[in-house]
Each structure stands twice: as C-alpha cells, then as structure tokens.
C-alpha cells in the first residue's frame, strides 16, 4: 500500500498538523492577552502602588517574566508550525 509522504500531503493541500496549529494558536492568543493584562497591571501599579501589589516585588517580576517568555516561545512555535519549518 502506497501511503503519501508528508511532502505529498502538503502538496495536495491537506494540512496534517491543523489540530496542533489550532491548539497552539489558541494558546498563543490566550498568552498574548495575558501579557496585555500584565502590561496594563504594571502601568496601574506604577501609579497606584498601594492598591496594585498582590505579592512581593520579586514574585511579581518572576510571574511577568514567565508570562512574557512563554508568549515568546509560543509565538515562535506557532510561526514555525505555520510556515512548515
């Protein structure tokens, strides 16, 4: 039985990674929205420091850095999946 290779499937227009791309795309969108919320929170915290802090400064920095690093990784993975790289 001849089964098409990955190149033949791409050439025929079928996207074998469509569910994965959709999942990563959704996760990326959620992460980017979380980053925008974190950015708005940082601006608010700069002007209202007595109301905006929920943890120590060090923990807040770690949370924001993890959010931004995760968003960067997800955007990179999504770009690779979309371009077939």
Protein backbone atom coordinates (compact mmCIF):
# COMPACT_ATOMS: atom_id res chain seq x y z
CA UNK A 1 0.00 0.00 0.00
CA UNK A 2 1.41 3.32 -1.03
CA UNK A 3 0.95 5.97 1.58
CA UNK A 4 1.79 9.55 0.67
CA UNK A 5 4.74 11.15 2.36
CA UNK A 6 4.49 14.40 4.26
CA UNK A 7 5.61 16.42 1.23
CA UNK A 8 2.92 14.86 -0.95
CA UNK A 9 0.27 15.62 1.68
CA UNK A 10 1.37 19.26 1.82
CA UNK A 11 1.40 19.46 -1.97
CA UNK A 12 -2.12 18.05 -2.17
CA UNK A 13 -3.40 20.79 0.15
CA UNK A 14 -4.07 18.65 3.22
CA UNK A 15 -2.65 20.08 6.41
CA UNK A 16 -1.64 17.19 8.66
CA UNK A 17 -0.78 19.49 11.59
CA UNK A 18 -4.03 21.52 11.53
CA UNK A 19 -5.27 20.45 15.00
CA UNK A 20 -1.86 21.19 16.53
CA UNK A 21 -1.65 24.59 14.82
CA UNK A 22 -5.14 25.44 16.04
CA UNK A 23 -4.27 24.43 19.61
CA UNK A 24 -1.00 26.36 19.62
CA UNK A 25 -2.74 29.34 18.01
CA UNK A 26 -5.39 29.39 20.72
CA UNK A 27 -2.80 29.04 23.49
CA UNK A 28 -0.75 31.84 21.92
CA UNK A 29 -3.78 34.12 21.74
CA UNK A 30 -4.60 33.48 25.39
CA UNK A 31 -0.99 34.09 26.41
CA UNK A 32 -0.79 37.35 24.44
CA UNK A 33 -3.99 38.59 26.10
CA UNK A 34 -2.48 37.66 29.48
CA UNK A 35 0.63 39.67 28.56
CA UNK A 36 -1.52 42.69 27.67
CA UNK A 37 -3.31 42.39 31.01
CA UNK A 38 0.06 42.14 32.78
CA UNK A 39 1.28 45.23 30.96
CA UNK A 40 -1.85 47.17 31.97
CA UNK A 41 -1.39 45.94 35.53
CA UNK A 42 2.24 47.18 35.53
CA UNK A 43 1.13 50.64 34.39
CA UNK A 44 -1.58 50.69 37.04
CA UNK A 45 0.90 49.52 39.68
CA UNK A 46 3.25 52.35 38.76
CA UNK A 47 0.57 54.93 39.51
CA UNK A 48 -1.26 53.19 42.38
CA UNK A 49 1.36 51.08 44.19
CA UNK A 50 -0.68 50.71 47.38
CA UNK A 51 -3.57 49.00 45.53
CA UNK A 52 -1.88 47.04 42.78
CA UNK A 53 0.60 44.77 44.54
CA UNK A 54 -0.62 41.28 45.37
CA UNK A 55 2.73 39.68 46.26
CA UNK A 56 6.32 40.62 46.81
CA UNK A 57 8.03 42.58 44.06
CA UNK A 58 10.32 39.63 43.31
CA UNK A 59 7.38 37.26 42.81
CA UNK A 60 5.59 39.76 40.60
CA UNK A 61 8.70 40.10 38.43
CA UNK A 62 9.03 36.33 38.11
CA UNK A 63 5.37 35.99 37.11
CA UNK A 64 5.63 38.69 34.44
CA UNK A 65 8.90 37.28 33.07
CA UNK A 66 7.39 33.79 32.82
CA UNK A 67 4.35 35.23 31.03
CA UNK A 68 6.47 37.14 28.51
CA UNK A 69 8.91 34.27 27.94
CA UNK A 70 6.03 31.83 27.43
CA UNK A 71 4.42 34.19 24.94
CA UNK A 72 7.70 34.49 23.03
CA UNK A 73 8.11 30.71 22.86
CA UNK A 74 4.50 30.16 21.78
CA UNK A 75 4.69 32.82 19.06
CA UNK A 76 7.92 31.25 17.78
CA UNK A 77 6.44 27.74 17.76
CA UNK A 78 3.31 28.97 16.02
CA UNK A 79 5.40 30.70 13.36
CA UNK A 80 7.36 27.51 12.75
CA UNK A 81 4.18 25.44 12.50
CA UNK A 82 2.51 27.91 10.16
CA UNK A 83 5.49 28.09 7.78
CA UNK A 84 6.19 24.37 7.87
CA UNK A 85 9.68 24.89 9.23
